[in-house]
Amino acid sequence: MRGDVINAKMPKAATTEAKTEPAGEYKLTDQTEVVYNGQPCEFKDVPSTASVIRIDVGPDRKTLLRIEFRSKK
């Protein structure tokens, strides 16, 4: 019956949306490890044209522990 389909509950995994924070909500600290093209560097030295390839965040999901950049090809 059609009513059974409408009233059926979706599996929990199917209804869970990924929670993402806007980039402006991340916290860069003195302990954040910044890597550009495989080399450690200061965040201020990363070109604005670089792409983020990986970030590791702390348990609060806002503090950046590590951020990796690479130059665009």
Protein backbone atom coordinates (compact mmCIF):
# COMPACT_ATOMS: atom_id res chain seq x y z
CA MET A 1 0.00 0.00 0.00
CA ARG A 2 1.14 3.50 -0.71
CA GLY A 3 0.53 4.63 2.90
CA ASP A 4 3.10 2.11 4.10
CA VAL A 5 5.79 3.76 1.98
CA ILE A 6 4.98 7.26 3.23
CA ASN A 7 4.93 6.16 6.88
CA ALA A 8 8.09 4.05 6.61
CA LYS A 9 11.02 5.37 8.64
CA MET A 10 14.30 6.01 6.86
CA PRO A 11 17.37 4.24 8.23
CA LYS A 12 19.27 6.45 10.65
CA ALA A 13 22.35 6.69 8.40
CA ALA A 14 20.24 7.89 5.48
CA THR A 15 18.75 10.77 7.46
CA THR A 16 21.97 11.96 9.06
CA GLU A 17 23.44 15.01 7.35
CA ALA A 18 27.13 15.82 7.49
CA LYS A 19 27.79 18.75 9.80
CA THR A 20 30.27 21.16 8.30
CA GLU A 21 31.45 24.45 9.71
CA PRO A 22 32.09 27.48 7.54
CA ALA A 23 35.81 28.04 7.00
CA GLY A 24 35.67 31.22 9.08
CA GLU A 25 34.72 29.16 12.14
CA TYR A 26 38.00 27.23 12.34
CA LYS A 27 40.61 28.38 14.86
CA LEU A 28 44.26 28.59 13.85
CA THR A 29 46.52 28.45 16.93
CA ASP A 30 50.26 28.67 17.61
CA GLN A 31 50.24 24.86 17.82
CA THR A 32 48.61 24.38 14.39
CA GLU A 33 50.98 22.57 12.04
CA VAL A 34 50.94 24.25 8.61
CA VAL A 35 52.35 22.37 5.62
CA TYR A 36 52.77 23.72 2.08
CA ASN A 37 53.87 21.36 -0.72
CA GLY A 38 55.05 18.86 1.89
CA GLN A 39 57.20 21.36 3.79
CA PRO A 40 56.42 22.97 7.18
CA CYS A 41 55.84 26.72 6.91
CA GLU A 42 54.11 29.66 8.50
CA PHE A 43 50.46 30.25 7.59
CA LYS A 44 51.31 33.79 6.43
CA ASP A 45 53.70 32.31 3.84
CA VAL A 46 51.04 30.18 2.11
CA PRO A 47 49.97 31.81 -1.19
CA SER A 48 46.31 32.73 -1.49
CA THR A 49 46.12 30.56 -4.61
CA ALA A 50 47.08 27.37 -2.71
CA SER A 51 44.53 24.59 -2.31
CA VAL A 52 43.73 22.94 1.01
CA ILE A 53 44.27 19.21 0.65
CA ARG A 54 43.75 18.08 4.25
CA ILE A 55 42.81 19.42 7.66
CA ASP A 56 42.91 17.76 11.05
CA VAL A 57 40.69 19.29 13.71
CA GLY A 58 40.62 18.92 17.48
CA PRO A 59 37.87 17.33 19.55
CA ASP A 60 35.93 20.61 19.54
CA ARG A 61 35.71 20.34 15.72
CA LYS A 62 36.88 23.95 15.38
CA THR A 63 40.56 24.05 16.37
CA LEU A 64 42.94 23.24 13.51
CA LEU A 65 45.65 20.81 14.56
CA ARG A 66 47.16 20.47 11.07
CA ILE A 67 46.39 22.00 7.70
CA GLU A 68 48.04 20.94 4.45
CA PHE A 69 48.19 23.06 1.31
CA ARG A 70 49.61 22.56 -2.16
CA SER A 71 50.13 24.90 -5.06
CA LYS A 72 47.60 24.78 -7.85
CA LYS A 73 48.78 23.11 -11.01
